[in-house]
Amino acid sequence: MASILVLDDSASVRDAIRLALSGKDHAVKEAANGVQGLNLVERMKFDLILTDLNMPEMDGLSFIQQVRQRSDHNGVPIVFITTESSPSVMQQAKKAGATGWIVKPFSADQLRRVVDKVLA
């Protein structure tokens, strides 16, 4: 069982991710933006972080950069979940420290395969 943090400003997306991963007995925590996500990272250790790109208060790129500065989460895999599929955005994500990405919309099976691969 992995501890997973999910950041997305859409409650329905967070719910869908939580439901898809709860069947795998993962412990899922949720945040609506990067600021809330950083507050959780300060209090807990996660095995995987899934983050949206476009969020209020703090976007996904800024969130990843902040997490990568923390020694306790520096090596934690971070997967972008975004509607953006342009190579320049993906390059920015990789430069910020993203491990990989999933383009919305995605199926529960796609999500589980990516999570399983990253956690392996």
PDB file of N, CA and C in Angstrom:
ATOM      1  N   MET A   1       0.842  -1.183   0.000  1.00  0.00           N
ATOM      2  CA  MET A   1       0.000   0.000   0.000  1.00  0.00           C
ATOM      3  C   MET A   1       0.883   1.240   0.000  1.00  0.00           C
ATOM      4  N   ALA A   2       0.576   2.168  -0.892  1.00  0.00           N
ATOM      5  CA  ALA A   2       1.355   3.397  -1.002  1.00  0.00           C
ATOM      6  C   ALA A   2       0.543   4.577  -0.486  1.00  0.00           C
ATOM      7  N   SER A   3       1.253   5.565   0.008  1.00  0.00           N
ATOM      8  CA  SER A   3       0.655   6.822   0.429  1.00  0.00           C
ATOM      9  C   SER A   3       0.786   7.798  -0.741  1.00  0.00           C
ATOM     10  N   ILE A   4      -0.365   8.255  -1.265  1.00  0.00           N
ATOM     11  CA  ILE A   4      -0.390   9.067  -2.475  1.00  0.00           C
ATOM     12  C   ILE A   4      -1.075  10.399  -2.200  1.00  0.00           C
ATOM     13  N   LEU A   5      -0.441  11.476  -2.647  1.00  0.00           N
ATOM     14  CA  LEU A   5      -1.033  12.816  -2.561  1.00  0.00           C
ATOM     15  C   LEU A   5      -1.537  13.203  -3.944  1.00  0.00           C
ATOM     16  N   VAL A   6      -2.797  13.658  -4.013  1.00  0.00           N
ATOM     17  CA  VAL A   6      -3.421  14.078  -5.264  1.00  0.00           C
ATOM     18  C   VAL A   6      -3.764  15.561  -5.165  1.00  0.00           C
ATOM     19  N   LEU A   7      -3.225  16.364  -6.099  1.00  0.00           N
ATOM     20  CA  LEU A   7      -3.516  17.789  -6.161  1.00  0.00           C
ATOM     21  C   LEU A   7      -4.250  18.098  -7.454  1.00  0.00           C
ATOM     22  N   ASP A   8      -5.445  18.653  -7.329  1.00  0.00           N
ATOM     23  CA  ASP A   8      -6.207  19.106  -8.482  1.00  0.00           C
ATOM     24  C   ASP A   8      -7.283  20.047  -7.965  1.00  0.00           C
ATOM     25  N   ASP A   9      -7.524  21.143  -8.682  1.00  0.00           N
ATOM     26  CA  ASP A   9      -8.536  22.083  -8.222  1.00  0.00           C
ATOM     27  C   ASP A   9      -9.950  21.591  -8.503  1.00  0.00           C
ATOM     28  N   SER A  10     -10.100  20.520  -9.248  1.00  0.00           N
ATOM     29  CA  SER A  10     -11.408  19.935  -9.530  1.00  0.00           C
ATOM     30  C   SER A  10     -11.695  18.798  -8.542  1.00  0.00           C
ATOM     31  N   ALA A  11     -12.734  18.992  -7.730  1.00  0.00           N
ATOM     32  CA  ALA A  11     -13.111  17.955  -6.762  1.00  0.00           C
ATOM     33  C   ALA A  11     -13.505  16.662  -7.472  1.00  0.00           C
ATOM     34  N   SER A  12     -14.141  16.768  -8.634  1.00  0.00           N
ATOM     35  CA  SER A  12     -14.558  15.556  -9.344  1.00  0.00           C
ATOM     36  C   SER A  12     -13.355  14.770  -9.864  1.00  0.00           C
ATOM     37  N   VAL A  13     -12.306  15.455 -10.288  1.00  0.00           N
ATOM     38  CA  VAL A  13     -11.091  14.760 -10.720  1.00  0.00           C
ATOM     39  C   VAL A  13     -10.435  14.081  -9.519  1.00  0.00           C
ATOM     40  N   ARG A  14     -10.342  14.790  -8.398  1.00  0.00           N
ATOM     41  CA  ARG A  14      -9.762  14.180  -7.193  1.00  0.00           C
ATOM     42  C   ARG A  14     -10.560  12.952  -6.766  1.00  0.00           C
ATOM     43  N   ASP A  15     -11.886  13.052  -6.817  1.00  0.00           N
ATOM     44  CA  ASP A  15     -12.738  11.913  -6.459  1.00  0.00           C
ATOM     45  C   ASP A  15     -12.488  10.724  -7.387  1.00  0.00           C
ATOM     46  N   ALA A  16     -12.403  10.991  -8.686  1.00  0.00           N
ATOM     47  CA  ALA A  16     -12.185   9.907  -9.656  1.00  0.00           C
ATOM     48  C   ALA A  16     -10.842   9.227  -9.415  1.00  0.00           C
ATOM     49  N   ILE A  17      -9.821  10.013  -9.131  1.00  0.00           N
ATOM     50  CA  ILE A  17      -8.501   9.436  -8.862  1.00  0.00           C
ATOM     51  C   ILE A  17      -8.524   8.618  -7.591  1.00  0.00           C
ATOM     52  N   ARG A  18      -9.136   9.181  -6.543  1.00  0.00           N
ATOM     53  CA  ARG A  18      -9.221   8.459  -5.267  1.00  0.00           C
ATOM     54  C   ARG A  18      -9.952   7.132  -5.444  1.00  0.00           C
ATOM     55  N   LEU A  19     -11.062   7.147  -6.159  1.00  0.00           N
ATOM     56  CA  LEU A  19     -11.817   5.916  -6.384  1.00  0.00           C
ATOM     57  C   LEU A  19     -11.012   4.904  -7.186  1.00  0.00           C
ATOM     58  N   ALA A  20     -10.304   5.363  -8.206  1.00  0.00           N
ATOM     59  CA  ALA A  20      -9.499   4.459  -9.036  1.00  0.00           C
ATOM     60  C   ALA A  20      -8.383   3.812  -8.233  1.00  0.00           C
ATOM     61  N   LEU A  21      -7.807   4.552  -7.301  1.00  0.00           N
ATOM     62  CA  LEU A  21      -6.657   4.034  -6.548  1.00  0.00           C
ATOM     63  C   LEU A  21      -7.044   3.346  -5.244  1.00  0.00           C
ATOM     64  N   SER A  22      -8.218   3.630  -4.726  1.00  0.00           N
ATOM     65  CA  SER A  22      -8.604   3.008  -3.458  1.00  0.00           C
ATOM     66  C   SER A  22      -8.820   1.511  -3.619  1.00  0.00           C
ATOM     67  N   GLY A  23      -9.175   1.078  -4.815  1.00  0.00           N
ATOM     68  CA  GLY A  23      -9.311  -0.349  -5.074  1.00  0.00           C
ATOM     69  C   GLY A  23      -7.996  -1.087  -4.971  1.00  0.00           C
ATOM     70  N   LYS A  24      -6.909  -0.359  -5.070  1.00  0.00           N
ATOM     71  CA  LYS A  24      -5.570  -0.936  -4.929  1.00  0.00           C
ATOM     72  C   LYS A  24      -5.069  -0.780  -3.483  1.00  0.00           C
ATOM     73  N   ASP A  25      -5.956  -0.365  -2.591  1.00  0.00           N
ATOM     74  CA  ASP A  25      -5.642  -0.179  -1.168  1.00  0.00           C
ATOM     75  C   ASP A  25      -4.582   0.885  -0.915  1.00  0.00           C
ATOM     76  N   HIS A  26      -4.501   1.882  -1.773  1.00  0.00           N
ATOM     77  CA  HIS A  26      -3.584   2.993  -1.537  1.00  0.00           C
ATOM     78  C   HIS A  26      -4.253   3.992  -0.597  1.00  0.00           C
ATOM     79  N   ALA A  27      -3.463   4.633   0.235  1.00  0.00           N
ATOM     80  CA  ALA A  27      -3.953   5.707   1.095  1.00  0.00           C
ATOM     81  C   ALA A  27      -3.819   7.006   0.317  1.00  0.00           C
ATOM     82  N   VAL A  28      -4.942   7.647   0.003  1.00  0.00           N
ATOM     83  CA  VAL A  28      -4.945   8.834  -0.840  1.00  0.00           C
ATOM     84  C   VAL A  28      -5.337  10.054  -0.019  1.00  0.00           C
ATOM     85  N   LYS A  29      -4.492  11.083  -0.062  1.00  0.00           N
ATOM     86  CA  LYS A  29      -4.785  12.392   0.525  1.00  0.00           C
ATOM     87  C   LYS A  29      -4.997  13.358  -0.616  1.00  0.00           C
ATOM     88  N   GLU A  30      -5.848  14.370  -0.408  1.00  0.00           N
ATOM     89  CA  GLU A  30      -6.199  15.291  -1.481  1.00  0.00           C
ATOM     90  C   GLU A  30      -5.929  16.738  -1.104  1.00  0.00           C
ATOM     91  N   ALA A  31      -5.588  17.535  -2.122  1.00  0.00           N
ATOM     92  CA  ALA A  31      -5.412  18.978  -1.973  1.00  0.00           C
ATOM     93  C   ALA A  31      -5.940  19.655  -3.225  1.00  0.00           C
ATOM     94  N   ALA A  32      -6.499  20.866  -3.061  1.00  0.00           N
ATOM     95  CA  ALA A  32      -7.090  21.584  -4.182  1.00  0.00           C
ATOM     96  C   ALA A  32      -6.107  22.507  -4.887  1.00  0.00           C
ATOM     97  N   ASN A  33      -4.914  22.681  -4.305  1.00  0.00           N
ATOM     98  CA  ASN A  33      -3.907  23.541  -4.930  1.00  0.00           C
ATOM     99  C   ASN A  33      -2.537  23.265  -4.320  1.00  0.00           C
ATOM    100  N   GLY A  34      -1.514  23.895  -4.864  1.00  0.00           N
ATOM    101  CA  GLY A  34      -0.151  23.656  -4.410  1.00  0.00           C
ATOM    102  C   GLY A  34       0.106  24.075  -2.974  1.00  0.00           C
ATOM    103  N   VAL A  35      -0.541  25.146  -2.519  1.00  0.00           N
ATOM    104  CA  VAL A  35      -0.355  25.600  -1.135  1.00  0.00           C
ATOM    105  C   VAL A  35      -0.862  24.533  -0.164  1.00  0.00           C
ATOM    106  N   GLN A  36      -2.062  24.014  -0.418  1.00  0.00           N
ATOM    107  CA  GLN A  36      -2.592  22.942   0.426  1.00  0.00           C
ATOM    108  C   GLN A  36      -1.714  21.700   0.341  1.00  0.00           C
ATOM    109  N   GLY A  37      -1.225  21.418  -0.862  1.00  0.00           N
ATOM    110  CA  GLY A  37      -0.352  20.261  -1.046  1.00  0.00           C
ATOM    111  C   GLY A  37       0.924  20.385  -0.249  1.00  0.00           C
ATOM    112  N   LEU A  38       1.551  21.572  -0.260  1.00  0.00           N
ATOM    113  CA  LEU A  38       2.774  21.781   0.524  1.00  0.00           C
ATOM    114  C   LEU A  38       2.516  21.622   2.013  1.00  0.00           C
ATOM    115  N   ASN A  39       1.354  22.068   2.476  1.00  0.00           N
ATOM    116  CA  ASN A  39       1.017  21.887   3.896  1.00  0.00           C
ATOM    117  C   ASN A  39       0.962  20.407   4.253  1.00  0.00           C
ATOM    118  N   LEU A  40       0.425  19.583   3.363  1.00  0.00           N
ATOM    119  CA  LEU A  40       0.377  18.138   3.615  1.00  0.00           C
ATOM    120  C   LEU A  40       1.772  17.527   3.553  1.00  0.00           C
ATOM    121  N   VAL A  41       2.589  17.973   2.593  1.00  0.00           N
ATOM    122  CA  VAL A  41       3.954  17.455   2.459  1.00  0.00           C
ATOM    123  C   VAL A  41       4.778  17.772   3.708  1.00  0.00           C
ATOM    124  N   GLU A  42       4.523  18.903   4.328  1.00  0.00           N
ATOM    125  CA  GLU A  42       5.241  19.269   5.555  1.00  0.00           C
ATOM    126  C   GLU A  42       4.885  18.364   6.723  1.00  0.00           C
ATOM    127  N   ARG A  43       3.681  17.781   6.695  1.00  0.00           N
ATOM    128  CA  ARG A  43       3.216  16.955   7.822  1.00  0.00           C
ATOM    129  C   ARG A  43       3.330  15.457   7.588  1.00  0.00           C
ATOM    130  N   MET A  44       3.404  15.040   6.322  1.00  0.00           N
ATOM    131  CA  MET A  44       3.363  13.616   6.002  1.00  0.00           C
ATOM    132  C   MET A  44       4.411  13.271   4.956  1.00  0.00           C
ATOM    133  N   LYS A  45       4.749  12.002   4.898  1.00  0.00           N
ATOM    134  CA  LYS A  45       5.654  11.477   3.868  1.00  0.00           C
ATOM    135  C   LYS A  45       4.806  10.722   2.845  1.00  0.00           C
ATOM    136  N   PHE A  46       5.010  11.014   1.571  1.00  0.00           N
ATOM    137  CA  PHE A  46       4.249  10.365   0.505  1.00  0.00           C
ATOM    138  C   PHE A  46       5.168   9.524  -0.354  1.00  0.00           C
ATOM    139  N   ASP A  47       4.599   8.435  -0.905  1.00  0.00           N
ATOM    140  CA  ASP A  47       5.330   7.558  -1.818  1.00  0.00           C
ATOM    141  C   ASP A  47       5.196   8.020  -3.267  1.00  0.00           C
ATOM    142  N   LEU A  48       4.151   8.804  -3.547  1.00  0.00           N
ATOM    143  CA  LEU A  48       3.870   9.275  -4.895  1.00  0.00           C
ATOM    144  C   LEU A  48       3.005  10.520  -4.796  1.00  0.00           C
ATOM    145  N   ILE A  49       3.252  11.473  -5.694  1.00  0.00           N
ATOM    146  CA  ILE A  49       2.435  12.680  -5.773  1.00  0.00           C
ATOM    147  C   ILE A  49       1.920  12.808  -7.198  1.00  0.00           C
ATOM    148  N   LEU A  50       0.612  13.050  -7.333  1.00  0.00           N
ATOM    149  CA  LEU A  50      -0.034  13.309  -8.614  1.00  0.00           C
ATOM    150  C   LEU A  50      -0.528  14.751  -8.568  1.00  0.00           C
ATOM    151  N   THR A  51      -0.116  15.580  -9.511  1.00  0.00           N
ATOM    152  CA  THR A  51      -0.502  16.984  -9.468  1.00  0.00           C
ATOM    153  C   THR A  51      -0.959  17.520 -10.810  1.00  0.00           C
ATOM    154  N   ASP A  52      -2.002  18.334 -10.746  1.00  0.00           N
ATOM    155  CA  ASP A  52      -2.474  19.082 -11.905  1.00  0.00           C
ATOM    156  C   ASP A  52      -1.482  20.202 -12.194  1.00  0.00           C
ATOM    157  N   LEU A  53      -1.525  20.750 -13.389  1.00  0.00           N
ATOM    158  CA  LEU A  53      -0.669  21.874 -13.747  1.00  0.00           C
ATOM    159  C   LEU A  53      -1.327  23.194 -13.371  1.00  0.00           C
ATOM    160  N   ASN A  54      -2.529  23.426 -13.865  1.00  0.00           N
ATOM    161  CA  ASN A  54      -3.207  24.704 -13.669  1.00  0.00           C
ATOM    162  C   ASN A  54      -4.119  24.660 -12.452  1.00  0.00           C
ATOM    163  N   MET A  55      -3.677  25.332 -11.382  1.00  0.00           N
ATOM    164  CA  MET A  55      -4.444  25.413 -10.138  1.00  0.00           C
ATOM    165  C   MET A  55      -4.317  26.828  -9.572  1.00  0.00           C
ATOM    166  N   PRO A  56      -5.308  27.267  -8.793  1.00  0.00           N
ATOM    167  CA  PRO A  56      -5.202  28.582  -8.161  1.00  0.00           C
ATOM    168  C   PRO A  56      -4.176  28.567  -7.028  1.00  0.00           C
ATOM    169  N   GLU A  57      -3.744  29.724  -6.626  1.00  0.00           N
ATOM    170  CA  GLU A  57      -2.825  29.953  -5.502  1.00  0.00           C
ATOM    171  C   GLU A  57      -1.394  29.497  -5.780  1.00  0.00           C
ATOM    172  N   MET A  58      -1.207  28.271  -6.232  1.00  0.00           N
ATOM    173  CA  MET A  58       0.115  27.783  -6.619  1.00  0.00           C
ATOM    174  C   MET A  58      -0.074  26.697  -7.667  1.00  0.00           C
ATOM    175  N   ASP A  59       0.525  26.892  -8.845  1.00  0.00           N
ATOM    176  CA  ASP A  59       0.361  25.912  -9.913  1.00  0.00           C
ATOM    177  C   ASP A  59       1.246  24.691  -9.685  1.00  0.00           C
ATOM    178  N   GLY A  60       1.060  23.709 -10.537  1.00  0.00           N
ATOM    179  CA  GLY A  60       1.789  22.455 -10.394  1.00  0.00           C
ATOM    180  C   GLY A  60       3.291  22.583 -10.558  1.00  0.00           C
ATOM    181  N   LEU A  61       3.746  23.430 -11.481  1.00  0.00           N
ATOM    182  CA  LEU A  61       5.189  23.611 -11.669  1.00  0.00           C
ATOM    183  C   LEU A  61       5.842  24.200 -10.415  1.00  0.00           C
ATOM    184  N   SER A  62       5.226  25.233  -9.860  1.00  0.00           N
ATOM    185  CA  SER A  62       5.764  25.838  -8.634  1.00  0.00           C
ATOM    186  C   SER A  62       5.735  24.840  -7.484  1.00  0.00           C
ATOM    187  N   PHE A  63       4.670  24.050  -7.405  1.00  0.00           N
ATOM    188  CA  PHE A  63       4.569  23.042  -6.361  1.00  0.00           C
ATOM    189  C   PHE A  63       5.718  22.037  -6.462  1.00  0.00           C
ATOM    190  N   ILE A  64       5.949  21.532  -7.673  1.00  0.00           N
ATOM    191  CA  ILE A  64       7.025  20.554  -7.855  1.00  0.00           C
ATOM    192  C   ILE A  64       8.371  21.154  -7.466  1.00  0.00           C
ATOM    193  N   GLN A  65       8.628  22.373  -7.886  1.00  0.00           N
ATOM    194  CA  GLN A  65       9.895  23.020  -7.537  1.00  0.00           C
ATOM    195  C   GLN A  65      10.064  23.131  -6.025  1.00  0.00           C
ATOM    196  N   GLN A  66       8.993  23.456  -5.316  1.00  0.00           N
ATOM    197  CA  GLN A  66       9.053  23.557  -3.856  1.00  0.00           C
ATOM    198  C   GLN A  66       9.309  22.188  -3.216  1.00  0.00           C
ATOM    199  N   VAL A  67       8.633  21.167  -3.718  1.00  0.00           N
ATOM    200  CA  VAL A  67       8.803  19.820  -3.165  1.00  0.00           C
ATOM    201  C   VAL A  67      10.225  19.320  -3.399  1.00  0.00           C
ATOM    202  N   ARG A  68      10.767  19.579  -4.577  1.00  0.00           N
ATOM    203  CA  ARG A  68      12.118  19.105  -4.902  1.00  0.00           C
ATOM    204  C   ARG A  68      13.194  19.774  -4.046  1.00  0.00           C
ATOM    205  N   GLN A  69      12.879  20.875  -3.410  1.00  0.00           N
ATOM    206  CA  GLN A  69      13.827  21.529  -2.514  1.00  0.00           C
ATOM    207  C   GLN A  69      13.838  20.893  -1.123  1.00  0.00           C
ATOM    208  N   ARG A  70      12.868  20.043  -0.841  1.00  0.00           N
ATOM    209  CA  ARG A  70      12.759  19.389   0.465  1.00  0.00           C
ATOM    210  C   ARG A  70      13.504  18.048   0.425  1.00  0.00           C
ATOM    211  N   SER A  71      14.426  17.861   1.323  1.00  0.00           N
ATOM    212  CA  SER A  71      15.208  16.620   1.314  1.00  0.00           C
ATOM    213  C   SER A  71      14.343  15.387   1.590  1.00  0.00           C
ATOM    214  N   ASP A  72      13.271  15.530   2.358  1.00  0.00           N
ATOM    215  CA  ASP A  72      12.436  14.377   2.697  1.00  0.00           C
ATOM    216  C   ASP A  72      11.543  13.914   1.545  1.00  0.00           C
ATOM    217  N   HIS A  73      11.358  14.742   0.533  1.00  0.00           N
ATOM    218  CA  HIS A  73      10.535  14.370  -0.617  1.00  0.00           C
ATOM    219  C   HIS A  73      11.276  14.547  -1.947  1.00  0.00           C
ATOM    220  N   ASN A  74      12.564  14.787  -1.895  1.00  0.00           N
ATOM    221  CA  ASN A  74      13.333  15.059  -3.101  1.00  0.00           C
ATOM    222  C   ASN A  74      13.253  13.910  -4.112  1.00  0.00           C
ATOM    223  N   GLY A  75      13.243  12.684  -3.655  1.00  0.00           N
ATOM    224  CA  GLY A  75      13.221  11.533  -4.557  1.00  0.00           C
ATOM    225  C   GLY A  75      11.853  10.939  -4.801  1.00  0.00           C
ATOM    226  N   VAL A  76      10.813  11.544  -4.260  1.00  0.00           N
ATOM    227  CA  VAL A  76       9.460  11.014  -4.423  1.00  0.00           C
ATOM    228  C   VAL A  76       9.004  11.233  -5.875  1.00  0.00           C
ATOM    229  N   PRO A  77       8.479  10.206  -6.534  1.00  0.00           N
ATOM    230  CA  PRO A  77       7.979  10.390  -7.896  1.00  0.00           C
ATOM    231  C   PRO A  77       6.805  11.377  -7.917  1.00  0.00           C
ATOM    232  N   ILE A  78       6.815  12.282  -8.886  1.00  0.00           N
ATOM    233  CA  ILE A  78       5.734  13.239  -9.069  1.00  0.00           C
ATOM    234  C   ILE A  78       5.253  13.127 -10.504  1.00  0.00           C
ATOM    235  N   VAL A  79       3.962  12.846 -10.664  1.00  0.00           N
ATOM    236  CA  VAL A  79       3.365  12.679 -11.991  1.00  0.00           C
ATOM    237  C   VAL A  79       2.398  13.829 -12.236  1.00  0.00           C
ATOM    238  N   PHE A  80       2.602  14.521 -13.354  1.00  0.00           N
ATOM    239  CA  PHE A  80       1.698  15.586 -13.778  1.00  0.00           C
ATOM    240  C   PHE A  80       0.434  14.976 -14.347  1.00  0.00           C
ATOM    241  N   ILE A  81      -0.700  15.529 -13.976  1.00  0.00           N
ATOM    242  CA  ILE A  81      -1.979  15.174 -14.582  1.00  0.00           C
ATOM    243  C   ILE A  81      -2.518  16.468 -15.174  1.00  0.00           C
ATOM    244  N   THR A  82      -2.602  16.545 -16.499  1.00  0.00           N
ATOM    245  CA  THR A  82      -2.895  17.825 -17.130  1.00  0.00           C
ATOM    246  C   THR A  82      -3.606  17.662 -18.458  1.00  0.00           C
ATOM    247  N   THR A  83      -4.276  18.713 -18.878  1.00  0.00           N
ATOM    248  CA  THR A  83      -4.867  18.751 -20.216  1.00  0.00           C
ATOM    249  C   THR A  83      -3.845  19.219 -21.242  1.00  0.00           C
ATOM    250  N   GLU A  84      -2.739  19.756 -20.778  1.00  0.00           N
ATOM    251  CA  GLU A  84      -1.676  20.252 -21.662  1.00  0.00           C
ATOM    252  C   GLU A  84      -0.877  19.073 -22.215  1.00  0.00           C
ATOM    253  N   SER A  85      -0.675  19.071 -23.531  1.00  0.00           N
ATOM    254  CA  SER A  85       0.111  17.984 -24.118  1.00  0.00           C
ATOM    255  C   SER A  85       1.237  18.506 -25.003  1.00  0.00           C
ATOM    256  N   SER A  86       1.474  19.805 -24.961  1.00  0.00           N
ATOM    257  CA  SER A  86       2.521  20.364 -25.819  1.00  0.00           C
ATOM    258  C   SER A  86       3.901  19.967 -25.298  1.00  0.00           C
ATOM    259  N   PRO A  87       4.835  19.730 -26.208  1.00  0.00           N
ATOM    260  CA  PRO A  87       6.193  19.353 -25.800  1.00  0.00           C
ATOM    261  C   PRO A  87       6.857  20.387 -24.893  1.00  0.00           C
ATOM    262  N   SER A  88       6.570  21.669 -25.103  1.00  0.00           N
ATOM    263  CA  SER A  88       7.201  22.693 -24.267  1.00  0.00           C
ATOM    264  C   SER A  88       6.725  22.612 -22.822  1.00  0.00           C
ATOM    265  N   VAL A  89       5.436  22.328 -22.621  1.00  0.00           N
ATOM    266  CA  VAL A  89       4.914  22.181 -21.259  1.00  0.00           C
ATOM    267  C   VAL A  89       5.512  20.941 -20.605  1.00  0.00           C
ATOM    268  N   MET A  90       5.610  19.865 -21.349  1.00  0.00           N
ATOM    269  CA  MET A  90       6.185  18.638 -20.797  1.00  0.00           C
ATOM    270  C   MET A  90       7.662  18.843 -20.453  1.00  0.00           C
ATOM    271  N   GLN A  91       8.367  19.613 -21.266  1.00  0.00           N
ATOM    272  CA  GLN A  91       9.768  19.918 -20.980  1.00  0.00           C
ATOM    273  C   GLN A  91       9.888  20.746 -19.704  1.00  0.00           C
ATOM    274  N   GLN A  92       8.991  21.716 -19.524  1.00  0.00           N
ATOM    275  CA  GLN A  92       8.981  22.521 -18.297  1.00  0.00           C
ATOM    276  C   GLN A  92       8.725  21.636 -17.084  1.00  0.00           C
ATOM    277  N   ALA A  93       7.795  20.707 -17.227  1.00  0.00           N
ATOM    278  CA  ALA A  93       7.476  19.798 -16.125  1.00  0.00           C
ATOM    279  C   ALA A  93       8.677  18.939 -15.766  1.00  0.00           C
ATOM    280  N   LYS A  94       9.333  18.414 -16.772  1.00  0.00           N
ATOM    281  CA  LYS A  94      10.518  17.576 -16.534  1.00  0.00           C
ATOM    282  C   LYS A  94      11.625  18.395 -15.875  1.00  0.00           C
ATOM    283  N   LYS A  95      11.837  19.611 -16.366  1.00  0.00           N
ATOM    284  CA  LYS A  95      12.862  20.482 -15.788  1.00  0.00           C
ATOM    285  C   LYS A  95      12.553  20.819 -14.322  1.00  0.00           C
ATOM    286  N   ALA A  96      11.269  20.972 -14.000  1.00  0.00           N
ATOM    287  CA  ALA A  96      10.866  21.270 -12.622  1.00  0.00           C
ATOM    288  C   ALA A  96      11.069  20.076 -11.692  1.00  0.00           C
ATOM    289  N   GLY A  97      11.098  18.867 -12.273  1.00  0.00           N
ATOM    290  CA  GLY A  97      11.312  17.681 -11.455  1.00  0.00           C
ATOM    291  C   GLY A  97      10.236  16.627 -11.550  1.00  0.00           C
ATOM    292  N   ALA A  98       9.335  16.752 -12.539  1.00  0.00           N
ATOM    293  CA  ALA A  98       8.294  15.741 -12.711  1.00  0.00           C
ATOM    294  C   ALA A  98       8.904  14.434 -13.199  1.00  0.00           C
ATOM    295  N   THR A  99       8.380  13.344 -12.702  1.00  0.00           N
ATOM    296  CA  THR A  99       8.816  12.013 -13.102  1.00  0.00           C
ATOM    297  C   THR A  99       8.154  11.594 -14.412  1.00  0.00           C
ATOM    298  N   GLY A 100       6.912  12.021 -14.599  1.00  0.00           N
ATOM    299  CA  GLY A 100       6.153  11.671 -15.790  1.00  0.00           C
ATOM    300  C   GLY A 100       4.854  12.440 -15.816  1.00  0.00           C
ATOM    301  N   TRP A 101       3.947  12.077 -16.757  1.00  0.00           N
ATOM    302  CA  TRP A 101       2.681  12.777 -16.851  1.00  0.00           C
ATOM    303  C   TRP A 101       1.628  11.907 -17.472  1.00  0.00           C
ATOM    304  N   ILE A 102       0.377  12.287 -17.188  1.00  0.00           N
ATOM    305  CA  ILE A 102      -0.804  11.672 -17.778  1.00  0.00           C
ATOM    306  C   ILE A 102      -1.631  12.820 -18.342  1.00  0.00           C
ATOM    307  N   VAL A 103      -2.079  12.688 -19.588  1.00  0.00           N
ATOM    308  CA  VAL A 103      -2.886  13.726 -20.201  1.00  0.00           C
ATOM    309  C   VAL A 103      -4.366  13.418 -19.972  1.00  0.00           C
ATOM    310  N   LYS A 104      -5.104  14.433 -19.483  1.00  0.00           N
ATOM    311  CA  LYS A 104      -6.549  14.314 -19.301  1.00  0.00           C
ATOM    312  C   LYS A 104      -7.222  14.413 -20.662  1.00  0.00           C
ATOM    313  N   PRO A 105      -8.313  13.710 -20.884  1.00  0.00           N
ATOM    314  CA  PRO A 105      -8.924  12.751 -19.971  1.00  0.00           C
ATOM    315  C   PRO A 105      -8.203  11.409 -20.017  1.00  0.00           C
ATOM    316  N   PHE A 106      -8.261  10.686 -18.935  1.00  0.00           N
ATOM    317  CA  PHE A 106      -7.625   9.371 -18.851  1.00  0.00           C
ATOM    318  C   PHE A 106      -8.597   8.414 -18.184  1.00  0.00           C
ATOM    319  N   SER A 107      -8.381   7.131 -18.406  1.00  0.00           N
ATOM    320  CA  SER A 107      -9.242   6.123 -17.792  1.00  0.00           C
ATOM    321  C   SER A 107      -8.647   5.681 -16.458  1.00  0.00           C
ATOM    322  N   ALA A 108      -9.467   5.067 -15.650  1.00  0.00           N
ATOM    323  CA  ALA A 108      -8.990   4.530 -14.372  1.00  0.00           C
ATOM    324  C   ALA A 108      -7.894   3.497 -14.612  1.00  0.00           C
ATOM    325  N   ASP A 109      -8.041   2.685 -15.667  1.00  0.00           N
ATOM    326  CA  ASP A 109      -7.016   1.681 -15.979  1.00  0.00           C
ATOM    327  C   ASP A 109      -5.689   2.335 -16.353  1.00  0.00           C
ATOM    328  N   GLN A 110      -5.744   3.409 -17.164  1.00  0.00           N
ATOM    329  CA  GLN A 110      -4.515   4.123 -17.516  1.00  0.00           C
ATOM    330  C   GLN A 110      -3.834   4.657 -16.259  1.00  0.00           C
ATOM    331  N   LEU A 111      -4.607   5.260 -15.388  1.00  0.00           N
ATOM    332  CA  LEU A 111      -4.064   5.821 -14.156  1.00  0.00           C
ATOM    333  C   LEU A 111      -3.409   4.733 -13.313  1.00  0.00           C
ATOM    334  N   ARG A 112      -4.100   3.620 -13.131  1.00  0.00           N
ATOM    335  CA  ARG A 112      -3.545   2.524 -12.318  1.00  0.00           C
ATOM    336  C   ARG A 112      -2.256   1.972 -12.925  1.00  0.00           C
ATOM    337  N   ARG A 113      -2.209   1.857 -14.258  1.00  0.00           N
ATOM    338  CA  ARG A 113      -0.988   1.361 -14.902  1.00  0.00           C
ATOM    339  C   ARG A 113       0.191   2.308 -14.658  1.00  0.00           C
ATOM    340  N   VAL A 114      -0.034   3.602 -14.789  1.00  0.00           N
ATOM    341  CA  VAL A 114       1.026   4.576 -14.560  1.00  0.00           C
ATOM    342  C   VAL A 114       1.473   4.538 -13.096  1.00  0.00           C
ATOM    343  N   VAL A 115       0.527   4.513 -12.187  1.00  0.00           N
ATOM    344  CA  VAL A 115       0.864   4.471 -10.755  1.00  0.00           C
ATOM    345  C   VAL A 115       1.644   3.210 -10.425  1.00  0.00           C
ATOM    346  N   ASP A 116       1.192   2.069 -10.931  1.00  0.00           N
ATOM    347  CA  ASP A 116       1.898   0.809 -10.679  1.00  0.00           C
ATOM    348  C   ASP A 116       3.334   0.861 -11.226  1.00  0.00           C
ATOM    349  N   LYS A 117       3.487   1.416 -12.427  1.00  0.00           N
ATOM    350  CA  LYS A 117       4.804   1.504 -13.045  1.00  0.00           C
ATOM    351  C   LYS A 117       5.730   2.411 -12.242  1.00  0.00           C
ATOM    352  N   VAL A 118       5.224   3.568 -11.840  1.00  0.00           N
ATOM    353  CA  VAL A 118       6.053   4.525 -11.104  1.00  0.00           C
ATOM    354  C   VAL A 118       6.425   3.992  -9.722  1.00  0.00           C
ATOM    355  N   LEU A 119       5.516   3.273  -9.084  1.00  0.00           N
ATOM    356  CA  LEU A 119       5.786   2.751  -7.737  1.00  0.00           C
ATOM    357  C   LEU A 119       6.636   1.489  -7.741  1.00  0.00           C
ATOM    358  N   ALA A 120       6.757   0.834  -8.921  1.00  0.00           N
ATOM    359  CA  ALA A 120       7.504  -0.430  -8.995  1.00  0.00           C
ATOM    360  C   ALA A 120       8.987  -0.241  -8.744  1.00  0.00           C
TER     361      ALA A 120
END
